[in-house]
Amino acid sequence: MGKDVTAVSEEVVRLDVREDLKAGREPFHKIMAAVQALREGQRLLLVAPFEPKPLYKVLGRMGFDHTTRQTEDGAWEVLFFRQG
């Protein structure tokens, strides 16, 4: 796993894309790779500097739902999980 992808627990994989965006790098392919690498029962915790609304539809078509919260430091944490 890359330095910004962390297994928080066996069930949650954390991907922080704030540094990518700060450096001007588009993180979409990194996010999709993390989603594709999820094992049965795992969820993806995405950390971003803004609410990644376009991903909701993209991952929704792949069978994922999400919960979203904004942290005290202004970051957004989105937990993506498979529906059903």
Protein backbone atom coordinates (compact mmCIF):
# COMPACT_ATOMS: atom_id res chain seq x y z
CA MET A 1 0.00 0.00 0.00
CA GLY A 2 1.12 3.56 -0.65
CA LYS A 3 1.97 5.89 2.21
CA ASP A 4 -1.44 7.56 1.99
CA VAL A 5 -3.36 4.26 2.01
CA THR A 6 -3.61 2.82 5.49
CA ALA A 7 -5.42 -0.21 6.87
CA VAL A 8 -7.20 1.39 9.83
CA SER A 9 -8.55 -1.99 10.76
CA GLU A 10 -9.14 -5.24 8.94
CA GLU A 11 -12.49 -3.84 7.79
CA VAL A 12 -11.54 -0.22 6.96
CA VAL A 13 -8.93 0.96 4.44
CA ARG A 14 -8.09 4.68 4.76
CA LEU A 15 -7.06 6.72 1.72
CA ASP A 16 -6.03 10.35 2.29
CA VAL A 17 -5.92 12.30 -0.99
CA ARG A 18 -5.31 15.75 0.48
CA GLU A 19 -1.59 15.79 -0.39
CA ASP A 20 -2.29 14.62 -3.94
CA LEU A 21 -4.75 17.44 -4.48
CA LYS A 22 -2.45 19.98 -2.81
CA ALA A 23 0.31 18.95 -5.22
CA GLY A 24 -2.04 19.28 -8.21
CA ARG A 25 -2.38 15.53 -8.80
CA GLU A 26 -5.78 14.11 -9.73
CA PRO A 27 -6.47 11.22 -7.29
CA PHE A 28 -9.33 9.56 -9.21
CA HIS A 29 -7.25 6.59 -10.44
CA LYS A 30 -5.77 6.07 -6.98
CA ILE A 31 -9.27 6.08 -5.46
CA MET A 32 -10.57 3.62 -8.04
CA ALA A 33 -7.57 1.33 -7.49
CA ALA A 34 -8.26 1.35 -3.74
CA VAL A 35 -11.93 0.52 -4.38
CA GLN A 36 -10.99 -2.35 -6.72
CA ALA A 37 -8.56 -3.72 -4.10
CA LEU A 38 -11.20 -3.92 -1.36
CA ARG A 39 -11.82 -7.43 -0.15
CA GLU A 40 -15.21 -8.81 0.83
CA GLY A 41 -16.53 -6.87 3.83
CA GLN A 42 -13.96 -4.07 3.65
CA ARG A 43 -14.89 -0.39 3.47
CA LEU A 44 -12.96 2.59 2.13
CA LEU A 45 -12.51 5.68 4.29
CA LEU A 46 -11.65 8.52 1.91
CA VAL A 47 -10.19 11.73 3.37
CA ALA A 48 -10.36 14.83 1.16
CA PRO A 49 -10.25 18.63 1.54
CA PHE A 50 -13.75 18.92 0.03
CA GLU A 51 -16.86 16.78 -0.20
CA PRO A 52 -16.23 14.49 -3.19
CA LYS A 53 -19.82 14.54 -4.49
CA PRO A 54 -19.01 13.28 -8.02
CA LEU A 55 -17.71 10.02 -6.51
CA TYR A 56 -21.09 9.27 -4.94
CA LYS A 57 -22.66 8.57 -8.34
CA VAL A 58 -19.60 6.77 -9.74
CA LEU A 59 -19.29 4.42 -6.78
CA GLY A 60 -23.07 4.16 -6.43
CA ARG A 61 -23.17 2.57 -9.90
CA MET A 62 -20.63 0.07 -8.61
CA GLY A 63 -22.91 -0.90 -5.71
CA PHE A 64 -21.46 1.35 -3.00
CA ASP A 65 -23.27 3.57 -0.53
CA HIS A 66 -21.58 6.11 1.74
CA THR A 67 -21.71 8.13 4.93
CA THR A 68 -20.08 11.54 5.07
CA ARG A 69 -18.83 13.83 7.82
CA GLN A 70 -16.76 16.99 7.99
CA THR A 71 -14.03 16.97 10.62
CA GLU A 72 -13.13 19.84 12.95
CA ASP A 73 -10.13 20.72 10.76
CA GLY A 74 -12.39 21.09 7.70
CA ALA A 75 -11.48 17.83 5.99
CA TRP A 76 -14.15 15.49 4.69
CA GLU A 77 -14.27 11.81 5.62
CA VAL A 78 -16.40 9.60 3.43
CA LEU A 79 -16.90 5.96 4.30
CA PHE A 80 -17.79 3.94 1.19
CA PHE A 81 -19.28 0.49 1.71
CA ARG A 82 -21.00 -2.08 -0.45
CA GLN A 83 -24.78 -1.99 -0.27
CA GLY A 84 -26.67 -5.02 0.97
